[in-house]
PDB file of all heavy atoms in Angstrom:
ATOM      1  N   PRO A   1     -69.051-137.317 224.414  1.00  0.00           N
ATOM      2  CA  PRO A   1     -68.679-136.805 223.163  1.00  0.00           C
ATOM      3  C   PRO A   1     -69.716-137.167 222.080  1.00  0.00           C
ATOM      4  O   PRO A   1     -69.608-136.667 220.969  1.00  0.00           O
ATOM      5  CB  PRO A   1     -67.377-137.431 222.822  1.00  0.00           C
ATOM      6  CG  PRO A   1     -66.748-138.093 224.054  1.00  0.00           C
ATOM      7  CD  PRO A   1     -68.062-138.321 224.928  1.00  0.00           C
ATOM      8  N   VAL A   2     -70.775-137.903 222.294  1.00  0.00           N
ATOM      9  CA  VAL A   2     -71.691-138.321 221.297  1.00  0.00           C
ATOM     10  C   VAL A   2     -72.541-137.100 221.125  1.00  0.00           C
ATOM     11  O   VAL A   2     -73.384-136.668 221.991  1.00  0.00           O
ATOM     12  CB  VAL A   2     -72.605-139.486 221.731  1.00  0.00           C
ATOM     13  CG1 VAL A   2     -73.600-139.771 220.657  1.00  0.00           C
ATOM     14  CG2 VAL A   2     -71.581-140.683 221.906  1.00  0.00           C
ATOM     15  N   LEU A   3     -72.549-136.409 219.999  1.00  0.00           N
ATOM     16  CA  LEU A   3     -73.199-135.166 219.654  1.00  0.00           C
ATOM     17  C   LEU A   3     -74.433-135.289 218.858  1.00  0.00           C
ATOM     18  O   LEU A   3     -74.479-136.189 217.970  1.00  0.00           O
ATOM     19  CB  LEU A   3     -72.314-134.244 218.860  1.00  0.00           C
ATOM     20  CG  LEU A   3     -71.003-133.816 219.553  1.00  0.00           C
ATOM     21  CD1 LEU A   3     -70.293-132.898 218.661  1.00  0.00           C
ATOM     22  CD2 LEU A   3     -71.202-133.059 220.804  1.00  0.00           C
ATOM     23  N   ASP A   4     -75.483-134.584 219.188  1.00  0.00           N
ATOM     24  CA  ASP A   4     -76.675-134.578 218.369  1.00  0.00           C
ATOM     25  C   ASP A   4     -76.191-133.487 217.199  1.00  0.00           C
ATOM     26  O   ASP A   4     -75.980-132.359 217.496  1.00  0.00           O
ATOM     27  CB  ASP A   4     -77.889-133.858 219.083  1.00  0.00           C
ATOM     28  CG  ASP A   4     -79.183-133.745 218.271  1.00  0.00           C
ATOM     29  OD1 ASP A   4     -79.074-133.248 217.188  1.00  0.00           O
ATOM     30  OD2 ASP A   4     -80.210-134.300 218.690  1.00  0.00           O
ATOM     31  N   PRO A   5     -76.145-133.944 215.993  1.00  0.00           N
ATOM     32  CA  PRO A   5     -75.584-133.189 214.890  1.00  0.00           C
ATOM     33  C   PRO A   5     -76.506-131.928 214.539  1.00  0.00           C
ATOM     34  O   PRO A   5     -75.980-130.887 213.980  1.00  0.00           O
ATOM     35  CB  PRO A   5     -75.509-134.142 213.687  1.00  0.00           C
ATOM     36  CG  PRO A   5     -76.360-135.255 214.081  1.00  0.00           C
ATOM     37  CD  PRO A   5     -76.455-135.339 215.481  1.00  0.00           C
ATOM     38  N   GLU A   6     -77.799-131.943 214.823  1.00  0.00           N
ATOM     39  CA  GLU A   6     -78.654-130.796 214.584  1.00  0.00           C
ATOM     40  C   GLU A   6     -78.378-129.751 215.515  1.00  0.00           C
ATOM     41  O   GLU A   6     -78.500-128.496 215.092  1.00  0.00           O
ATOM     42  CB  GLU A   6     -80.141-131.280 214.571  1.00  0.00           C
ATOM     43  CG  GLU A   6     -80.479-132.171 213.424  1.00  0.00           C
ATOM     44  CD  GLU A   6     -82.002-132.417 213.411  1.00  0.00           C
ATOM     45  OE1 GLU A   6     -82.542-132.989 214.470  1.00  0.00           O
ATOM     46  OE2 GLU A   6     -82.636-132.034 212.459  1.00  0.00           O
ATOM     47  N   ILE A   7     -78.045-130.018 216.810  1.00  0.00           N
ATOM     48  CA  ILE A   7     -77.875-129.074 217.722  1.00  0.00           C
ATOM     49  C   ILE A   7     -76.450-128.777 218.135  1.00  0.00           C
ATOM     50  O   ILE A   7     -76.087-127.685 218.517  1.00  0.00           O
ATOM     51  CB  ILE A   7     -78.667-129.479 219.026  1.00  0.00           C
ATOM     52  CG1 ILE A   7     -80.176-129.759 218.818  1.00  0.00           C
ATOM     53  CG2 ILE A   7     -78.474-128.408 220.213  1.00  0.00           C
ATOM     54  CD1 ILE A   7     -80.887-130.237 219.943  1.00  0.00           C
ATOM     55  N   GLY A   8     -75.597-129.721 217.917  1.00  0.00           N
ATOM     56  CA  GLY A   8     -74.157-129.578 218.119  1.00  0.00           C
ATOM     57  C   GLY A   8     -73.764-129.754 219.638  1.00  0.00           C
ATOM     58  O   GLY A   8     -72.651-129.146 220.008  1.00  0.00           O
ATOM     59  N   LEU A   9     -74.648-130.373 220.429  1.00  0.00           N
ATOM     60  CA  LEU A   9     -74.202-130.637 221.807  1.00  0.00           C
ATOM     61  C   LEU A   9     -74.401-132.066 222.045  1.00  0.00           C
ATOM     62  O   LEU A   9     -75.120-132.776 221.428  1.00  0.00           O
ATOM     63  CB  LEU A   9     -75.223-129.881 222.750  1.00  0.00           C
ATOM     64  CG  LEU A   9     -75.282-128.357 222.702  1.00  0.00           C
ATOM     65  CD1 LEU A   9     -76.375-127.738 223.414  1.00  0.00           C
ATOM     66  CD2 LEU A   9     -73.893-127.861 223.344  1.00  0.00           C
ATOM     67  N   GLY A  10     -73.712-132.379 223.133  1.00  0.00           N
ATOM     68  CA  GLY A  10     -73.694-133.908 223.502  1.00  0.00           C
ATOM     69  C   GLY A  10     -74.956-134.377 224.006  1.00  0.00           C
ATOM     70  O   GLY A  10     -75.805-133.644 224.662  1.00  0.00           O
ATOM     71  N   LEU A  11     -75.227-135.695 223.809  1.00  0.00           N
ATOM     72  CA  LEU A  11     -76.533-136.162 224.388  1.00  0.00           C
ATOM     73  C   LEU A  11     -76.640-136.139 225.970  1.00  0.00           C
ATOM     74  O   LEU A  11     -77.680-135.966 226.420  1.00  0.00           O
ATOM     75  CB  LEU A  11     -76.601-137.771 223.997  1.00  0.00           C
ATOM     76  CG  LEU A  11     -76.533-138.077 222.507  1.00  0.00           C
ATOM     77  CD1 LEU A  11     -76.815-139.504 222.250  1.00  0.00           C
ATOM     78  CD2 LEU A  11     -77.472-137.228 221.684  1.00  0.00           C
ATOM     79  N   VAL A  12     -75.472-136.294 226.592  1.00  0.00           N
ATOM     80  CA  VAL A  12     -75.513-136.176 228.069  1.00  0.00           C
ATOM     81  C   VAL A  12     -75.903-134.832 228.532  1.00  0.00           C
ATOM     82  O   VAL A  12     -76.710-134.610 229.378  1.00  0.00           O
ATOM     83  CB  VAL A  12     -74.186-136.657 228.649  1.00  0.00           C
ATOM     84  CG1 VAL A  12     -74.083-136.341 230.201  1.00  0.00           C
ATOM     85  CG2 VAL A  12     -73.861-138.130 228.376  1.00  0.00           C
ATOM     86  N   ASP A  13     -75.215-133.663 227.859  1.00  0.00           N
ATOM     87  CA  ASP A  13     -75.422-132.349 228.304  1.00  0.00           C
ATOM     88  C   ASP A  13     -76.965-131.976 227.886  1.00  0.00           C
ATOM     89  O   ASP A  13     -77.617-131.182 228.507  1.00  0.00           O
ATOM     90  CB  ASP A  13     -74.588-131.430 227.610  1.00  0.00           C
ATOM     91  CG  ASP A  13     -73.220-131.355 228.235  1.00  0.00           C
ATOM     92  OD1 ASP A  13     -73.322-131.288 229.480  1.00  0.00           O
ATOM     93  OD2 ASP A  13     -72.197-131.255 227.571  1.00  0.00           O
ATOM     94  N   LEU A  14     -77.550-132.550 226.787  1.00  0.00           N
ATOM     95  CA  LEU A  14     -78.817-132.309 226.385  1.00  0.00           C
ATOM     96  C   LEU A  14     -79.829-132.982 227.390  1.00  0.00           C
ATOM     97  O   LEU A  14     -81.021-132.546 227.431  1.00  0.00           O
ATOM     98  CB  LEU A  14     -79.071-132.691 225.009  1.00  0.00           C
ATOM     99  CG  LEU A  14     -78.459-131.827 223.868  1.00  0.00           C
ATOM    100  CD1 LEU A  14     -78.577-132.575 222.544  1.00  0.00           C
ATOM    101  CD2 LEU A  14     -79.090-130.459 223.926  1.00  0.00           C
ATOM    102  N   GLY A  15     -79.452-133.852 228.128  1.00  0.00           N
ATOM    103  CA  GLY A  15     -80.356-134.544 229.084  1.00  0.00           C
ATOM    104  C   GLY A  15     -81.065-135.731 228.390  1.00  0.00           C
ATOM    105  O   GLY A  15     -82.067-136.170 228.872  1.00  0.00           O
ATOM    106  N   LEU A  16     -80.514-136.175 227.277  1.00  0.00           N
ATOM    107  CA  LEU A  16     -81.243-137.271 226.589  1.00  0.00           C
ATOM    108  C   LEU A  16     -80.810-138.698 227.015  1.00  0.00           C
ATOM    109  O   LEU A  16     -81.535-139.631 226.726  1.00  0.00           O
ATOM    110  CB  LEU A  16     -80.761-137.282 224.973  1.00  0.00           C
ATOM    111  CG  LEU A  16     -81.238-135.983 224.394  1.00  0.00           C
ATOM    112  CD1 LEU A  16     -80.639-135.819 222.982  1.00  0.00           C
ATOM    113  CD2 LEU A  16     -82.745-135.793 224.254  1.00  0.00           C
ATOM    114  N   ILE A  17     -80.012-138.756 227.917  1.00  0.00           N
ATOM    115  CA  ILE A  17     -79.590-140.113 228.581  1.00  0.00           C
ATOM    116  C   ILE A  17     -80.397-140.081 229.896  1.00  0.00           C
ATOM    117  O   ILE A  17     -80.111-139.361 230.842  1.00  0.00           O
ATOM    118  CB  ILE A  17     -78.091-140.219 228.832  1.00  0.00           C
ATOM    119  CG1 ILE A  17     -77.290-140.069 227.463  1.00  0.00           C
ATOM    120  CG2 ILE A  17     -77.800-141.519 229.548  1.00  0.00           C
ATOM    121  CD1 ILE A  17     -77.628-141.027 226.398  1.00  0.00           C
ATOM    122  N   TYR A  18     -81.348-140.910 229.982  1.00  0.00           N
ATOM    123  CA  TYR A  18     -82.243-140.867 231.187  1.00  0.00           C
ATOM    124  C   TYR A  18     -81.729-141.744 232.294  1.00  0.00           C
ATOM    125  O   TYR A  18     -81.803-141.573 233.458  1.00  0.00           O
ATOM    126  CB  TYR A  18     -83.546-141.343 230.808  1.00  0.00           C
ATOM    127  CG  TYR A  18     -84.441-140.351 230.136  1.00  0.00           C
ATOM    128  CD1 TYR A  18     -85.788-140.670 229.832  1.00  0.00           C
ATOM    129  CD2 TYR A  18     -83.921-139.048 229.814  1.00  0.00           C
ATOM    130  CE1 TYR A  18     -86.558-139.821 229.066  1.00  0.00           C
ATOM    131  CE2 TYR A  18     -84.754-138.108 229.172  1.00  0.00           C
ATOM    132  CZ  TYR A  18     -86.131-138.517 228.799  1.00  0.00           C
ATOM    133  OH  TYR A  18     -86.836-137.629 228.136  1.00  0.00           O
ATOM    134  N   ASP A  19     -81.041-142.921 231.912  1.00  0.00           N
ATOM    135  CA  ASP A  19     -80.604-143.813 232.883  1.00  0.00           C
ATOM    136  C   ASP A  19     -79.486-144.594 232.471  1.00  0.00           C
ATOM    137  O   ASP A  19     -79.536-145.057 231.244  1.00  0.00           O
ATOM    138  CB  ASP A  19     -81.731-144.693 233.471  1.00  0.00           C
ATOM    139  CG  ASP A  19     -81.416-145.536 234.641  1.00  0.00           C
ATOM    140  OD1 ASP A  19     -80.623-144.987 235.564  1.00  0.00           O
ATOM    141  OD2 ASP A  19     -81.778-146.622 234.717  1.00  0.00           O
ATOM    142  N   VAL A  20     -78.474-144.965 233.234  1.00  0.00           N
ATOM    143  CA  VAL A  20     -77.442-145.973 232.939  1.00  0.00           C
ATOM    144  C   VAL A  20     -77.345-146.951 234.077  1.00  0.00           C
ATOM    145  O   VAL A  20     -77.298-146.553 235.235  1.00  0.00           O
ATOM    146  CB  VAL A  20     -76.058-145.270 232.730  1.00  0.00           C
ATOM    147  CG1 VAL A  20     -74.990-146.304 232.517  1.00  0.00           C
ATOM    148  CG2 VAL A  20     -76.064-144.394 231.563  1.00  0.00           C
ATOM    149  N   MET A  21     -77.378-148.321 233.707  1.00  0.00           N
ATOM    150  CA  MET A  21     -77.279-149.286 234.885  1.00  0.00           C
ATOM    151  C   MET A  21     -76.203-150.327 234.324  1.00  0.00           C
ATOM    152  O   MET A  21     -76.338-150.679 233.207  1.00  0.00           O
ATOM    153  CB  MET A  21     -78.651-149.967 234.985  1.00  0.00           C
ATOM    154  CG  MET A  21     -78.595-150.940 236.094  1.00  0.00           C
ATOM    155  SD  MET A  21     -80.223-151.673 236.504  1.00  0.00           S
ATOM    156  CE  MET A  21     -80.373-152.867 235.182  1.00  0.00           C
ATOM    157  N   VAL A  22     -75.348-150.641 235.212  1.00  0.00           N
ATOM    158  CA  VAL A  22     -74.218-151.609 234.943  1.00  0.00           C
ATOM    159  C   VAL A  22     -74.526-152.768 235.835  1.00  0.00           C
ATOM    160  O   VAL A  22     -74.749-152.766 237.063  1.00  0.00           O
ATOM    161  CB  VAL A  22     -72.871-151.096 235.331  1.00  0.00           C
ATOM    162  CG1 VAL A  22     -71.879-152.265 234.995  1.00  0.00           C
ATOM    163  CG2 VAL A  22     -72.527-149.822 234.533  1.00  0.00           C
ATOM    164  N   GLU A  23     -74.805-153.995 235.148  1.00  0.00           N
ATOM    165  CA  GLU A  23     -75.141-155.179 235.839  1.00  0.00           C
ATOM    166  C   GLU A  23     -73.832-155.847 236.226  1.00  0.00           C
ATOM    167  O   GLU A  23     -72.818-155.596 235.718  1.00  0.00           O
ATOM    168  CB  GLU A  23     -76.015-156.061 234.861  1.00  0.00           C
ATOM    169  CG  GLU A  23     -77.422-155.417 234.577  1.00  0.00           C
ATOM    170  CD  GLU A  23     -78.214-156.347 233.855  1.00  0.00           C
ATOM    171  OE1 GLU A  23     -77.823-157.337 233.139  1.00  0.00           O
ATOM    172  OE2 GLU A  23     -79.529-156.126 233.839  1.00  0.00           O
ATOM    173  N   PRO A  24     -74.018-156.831 237.210  1.00  0.00           N
ATOM    174  CA  PRO A  24     -72.789-157.531 237.729  1.00  0.00           C
ATOM    175  C   PRO A  24     -72.002-158.299 236.605  1.00  0.00           C
ATOM    176  O   PRO A  24     -70.819-158.473 236.921  1.00  0.00           O
ATOM    177  CB  PRO A  24     -73.399-158.441 238.686  1.00  0.00           C
ATOM    178  CG  PRO A  24     -74.688-157.845 239.182  1.00  0.00           C
ATOM    179  CD  PRO A  24     -75.245-157.189 237.951  1.00  0.00           C
ATOM    180  N   ASP A  25     -72.609-158.586 235.515  1.00  0.00           N
ATOM    181  CA  ASP A  25     -71.890-159.233 234.457  1.00  0.00           C
ATOM    182  C   ASP A  25     -71.238-158.298 233.433  1.00  0.00           C
ATOM    183  O   ASP A  25     -70.734-158.801 232.479  1.00  0.00           O
ATOM    184  CB  ASP A  25     -72.777-160.301 233.773  1.00  0.00           C
ATOM    185  CG  ASP A  25     -73.987-159.746 232.962  1.00  0.00           C
ATOM    186  OD1 ASP A  25     -74.242-158.430 233.120  1.00  0.00           O
ATOM    187  OD2 ASP A  25     -74.753-160.440 232.412  1.00  0.00           O
ATOM    188  N   GLY A  26     -71.347-157.019 233.682  1.00  0.00           N
ATOM    189  CA  GLY A  26     -70.755-156.092 232.755  1.00  0.00           C
ATOM    190  C   GLY A  26     -71.670-155.559 231.774  1.00  0.00           C
ATOM    191  O   GLY A  26     -71.271-154.718 230.824  1.00  0.00           O
ATOM    192  N   LYS A  27     -72.987-156.046 231.721  1.00  0.00           N
ATOM    193  CA  LYS A  27     -73.920-155.600 230.714  1.00  0.00           C
ATOM    194  C   LYS A  27     -74.310-154.180 231.119  1.00  0.00           C
ATOM    195  O   LYS A  27     -74.580-153.992 232.281  1.00  0.00           O
ATOM    196  CB  LYS A  27     -75.129-156.537 230.655  1.00  0.00           C
ATOM    197  CG  LYS A  27     -76.189-156.126 229.635  1.00  0.00           C
ATOM    198  CD  LYS A  27     -77.336-157.083 229.614  1.00  0.00           C
ATOM    199  CE  LYS A  27     -78.328-156.643 228.584  1.00  0.00           C
ATOM    200  NZ  LYS A  27     -79.386-157.759 228.476  1.00  0.00           N
ATOM    201  N   VAL A  28     -74.387-153.372 230.165  1.00  0.00           N
ATOM    202  CA  VAL A  28     -74.857-151.987 230.419  1.00  0.00           C
ATOM    203  C   VAL A  28     -76.166-151.752 229.803  1.00  0.00           C
ATOM    204  O   VAL A  28     -76.334-151.986 228.556  1.00  0.00           O
ATOM    205  CB  VAL A  28     -73.814-150.975 229.845  1.00  0.00           C
ATOM    206  CG1 VAL A  28     -74.273-149.521 229.969  1.00  0.00           C
ATOM    207  CG2 VAL A  28     -72.478-151.113 230.559  1.00  0.00           C
ATOM    208  N   LYS A  29     -77.156-151.159 230.556  1.00  0.00           N
ATOM    209  CA  LYS A  29     -78.380-150.865 230.053  1.00  0.00           C
ATOM    210  C   LYS A  29     -78.498-149.359 230.138  1.00  0.00           C
ATOM    211  O   LYS A  29     -78.332-148.754 231.147  1.00  0.00           O
ATOM    212  CB  LYS A  29     -79.519-151.467 230.943  1.00  0.00           C
ATOM    213  CG  LYS A  29     -79.570-153.021 230.816  1.00  0.00           C
ATOM    214  CD  LYS A  29     -80.780-153.625 231.568  1.00  0.00           C
ATOM    215  CE  LYS A  29     -80.780-155.097 231.406  1.00  0.00           C
ATOM    216  NZ  LYS A  29     -81.858-155.630 232.178  1.00  0.00           N
ATOM    217  N   ILE A  30     -78.950-148.766 228.945  1.00  0.00           N
ATOM    218  CA  ILE A  30     -79.051-147.393 228.802  1.00  0.00           C
ATOM    219  C   ILE A  30     -80.527-146.998 228.443  1.00  0.00           C
ATOM    220  O   ILE A  30     -80.992-147.661 227.405  1.00  0.00           O
ATOM    221  CB  ILE A  30     -78.165-146.787 227.782  1.00  0.00           C
ATOM    222  CG1 ILE A  30     -76.604-147.049 228.227  1.00  0.00           C
ATOM    223  CG2 ILE A  30     -78.381-145.310 227.484  1.00  0.00           C
ATOM    224  CD1 ILE A  30     -75.636-146.770 227.060  1.00  0.00           C
ATOM    225  N   LYS A  31     -81.108-146.167 229.198  1.00  0.00           N
ATOM    226  CA  LYS A  31     -82.358-145.748 228.732  1.00  0.00           C
ATOM    227  C   LYS A  31     -82.191-144.308 228.325  1.00  0.00           C
ATOM    228  O   LYS A  31     -81.668-143.534 228.994  1.00  0.00           O
ATOM    229  CB  LYS A  31     -83.379-145.735 229.997  1.00  0.00           C
ATOM    230  CG  LYS A  31     -84.827-145.474 229.674  1.00  0.00           C
ATOM    231  CD  LYS A  31     -85.675-145.458 230.885  1.00  0.00           C
ATOM    232  CE  LYS A  31     -85.660-146.711 231.698  1.00  0.00           C
ATOM    233  NZ  LYS A  31     -86.578-146.832 232.790  1.00  0.00           N
ATOM    234  N   MET A  32     -82.642-144.069 227.028  1.00  0.00           N
ATOM    235  CA  MET A  32     -82.426-142.706 226.424  1.00  0.00           C
ATOM    236  C   MET A  32     -83.666-142.301 225.568  1.00  0.00           C
ATOM    237  O   MET A  32     -84.487-143.023 225.357  1.00  0.00           O
ATOM    238  CB  MET A  32     -81.223-142.633 225.584  1.00  0.00           C
ATOM    239  CG  MET A  32     -81.221-143.571 224.418  1.00  0.00           C
ATOM    240  SD  MET A  32     -79.731-143.454 223.411  1.00  0.00           S
ATOM    241  CE  MET A  32     -79.811-141.801 222.603  1.00  0.00           C
ATOM    242  N   THR A  33     -83.727-141.035 225.197  1.00  0.00           N
ATOM    243  CA  THR A  33     -84.719-140.478 224.321  1.00  0.00           C
ATOM    244  C   THR A  33     -83.887-139.729 223.234  1.00  0.00           C
ATOM    245  O   THR A  33     -82.799-139.591 223.215  1.00  0.00           O
ATOM    246  CB  THR A  33     -85.700-139.637 225.120  1.00  0.00           C
ATOM    247  OG1 THR A  33     -86.848-139.368 224.247  1.00  0.00           O
ATOM    248  CG2 THR A  33     -85.144-138.317 225.679  1.00  0.00           C
ATOM    249  N   LEU A  34     -84.750-139.051 222.369  1.00  0.00           N
ATOM    250  CA  LEU A  34     -84.317-138.223 221.376  1.00  0.00           C
ATOM    251  C   LEU A  34     -85.030-136.895 221.492  1.00  0.00           C
ATOM    252  O   LEU A  34     -86.061-136.771 222.197  1.00  0.00           O
ATOM    253  CB  LEU A  34     -84.505-138.821 219.921  1.00  0.00           C
ATOM    254  CG  LEU A  34     -83.934-140.143 219.658  1.00  0.00           C
ATOM    255  CD1 LEU A  34     -84.394-140.755 218.327  1.00  0.00           C
ATOM    256  CD2 LEU A  34     -82.353-140.060 219.723  1.00  0.00           C
ATOM    257  N   THR A  35     -84.612-135.879 220.797  1.00  0.00           N
ATOM    258  CA  THR A  35     -85.248-134.554 220.961  1.00  0.00           C
ATOM    259  C   THR A  35     -86.661-134.546 220.489  1.00  0.00           C
ATOM    260  O   THR A  35     -87.539-133.916 220.961  1.00  0.00           O
ATOM    261  CB  THR A  35     -84.452-133.396 220.279  1.00  0.00           C
ATOM    262  OG1 THR A  35     -84.303-133.784 218.918  1.00  0.00           O
ATOM    263  CG2 THR A  35     -83.110-133.208 220.901  1.00  0.00           C
ATOM    264  N   THR A  36     -86.872-135.389 219.420  1.00  0.00           N
ATOM    265  CA  THR A  36     -88.318-135.622 218.796  1.00  0.00           C
ATOM    266  C   THR A  36     -88.377-137.045 218.375  1.00  0.00           C
ATOM    267  O   THR A  36     -87.350-137.568 218.012  1.00  0.00           O
ATOM    268  CB  THR A  36     -88.589-134.685 217.756  1.00  0.00           C
ATOM    269  OG1 THR A  36     -87.856-134.979 216.539  1.00  0.00           O
ATOM    270  CG2 THR A  36     -88.416-133.226 218.128  1.00  0.00           C
ATOM    271  N   PRO A  37     -89.571-137.573 218.307  1.00  0.00           N
ATOM    272  CA  PRO A  37     -89.760-138.940 217.775  1.00  0.00           C
ATOM    273  C   PRO A  37     -89.256-138.999 216.255  1.00  0.00           C
ATOM    274  O   PRO A  37     -88.930-139.985 215.716  1.00  0.00           O
ATOM    275  CB  PRO A  37     -91.191-139.208 217.905  1.00  0.00           C
ATOM    276  CG  PRO A  37     -91.621-138.450 219.102  1.00  0.00           C
ATOM    277  CD  PRO A  37     -90.798-137.186 218.983  1.00  0.00           C
ATOM    278  N   ALA A  38     -89.338-137.813 215.545  1.00  0.00           N
ATOM    279  CA  ALA A  38     -89.037-137.797 214.141  1.00  0.00           C
ATOM    280  C   ALA A  38     -87.613-137.336 213.888  1.00  0.00           C
ATOM    281  O   ALA A  38     -87.227-137.002 212.723  1.00  0.00           O
ATOM    282  CB  ALA A  38     -89.948-136.670 213.459  1.00  0.00           C
ATOM    283  N   CYS A  39     -86.734-137.412 214.922  1.00  0.00           N
ATOM    284  CA  CYS A  39     -85.370-136.993 214.735  1.00  0.00           C
ATOM    285  C   CYS A  39     -84.733-137.894 213.505  1.00  0.00           C
ATOM    286  O   CYS A  39     -84.733-139.051 213.573  1.00  0.00           O
ATOM    287  CB  CYS A  39     -84.579-137.378 216.018  1.00  0.00           C
ATOM    288  SG  CYS A  39     -82.855-137.024 215.921  1.00  0.00           S
ATOM    289  N   PRO A  40     -84.305-137.057 212.552  1.00  0.00           N
ATOM    290  CA  PRO A  40     -83.665-137.741 211.414  1.00  0.00           C
ATOM    291  C   PRO A  40     -82.373-138.559 211.681  1.00  0.00           C
ATOM    292  O   PRO A  40     -81.926-139.315 210.840  1.00  0.00           O
ATOM    293  CB  PRO A  40     -83.419-136.655 210.419  1.00  0.00           C
ATOM    294  CG  PRO A  40     -83.323-135.377 211.155  1.00  0.00           C
ATOM    295  CD  PRO A  40     -84.188-135.568 212.398  1.00  0.00           C
ATOM    296  N   TYR A  41     -81.609-138.200 212.748  1.00  0.00           N
ATOM    297  CA  TYR A  41     -80.485-138.847 213.186  1.00  0.00           C
ATOM    298  C   TYR A  41     -80.664-139.943 214.241  1.00  0.00           C
ATOM    299  O   TYR A  41     -79.616-140.403 214.832  1.00  0.00           O
ATOM    300  CB  TYR A  41     -79.410-137.807 213.600  1.00  0.00           C
ATOM    301  CG  TYR A  41     -78.996-136.846 212.570  1.00  0.00           C
ATOM    302  CD1 TYR A  41     -79.724-135.522 212.656  1.00  0.00           C
ATOM    303  CD2 TYR A  41     -78.187-137.232 211.649  1.00  0.00           C
ATOM    304  CE1 TYR A  41     -79.340-134.607 211.558  1.00  0.00           C
ATOM    305  CE2 TYR A  41     -77.932-136.242 210.616  1.00  0.00           C
ATOM    306  CZ  TYR A  41     -78.468-134.986 210.635  1.00  0.00           C
ATOM    307  OH  TYR A  41     -78.125-134.148 209.695  1.00  0.00           O
TER     308      TYR A  41
END
């Protein structure tokens, strides 16, 4: 449900979430990007 407000689509559908890793202690590591480095949001 996390939407990019400029595009109106979710980050997952846009492919902006590159990786999710859950460690044994419950820590979640997320590797993500934005549509551009200058993204105002």
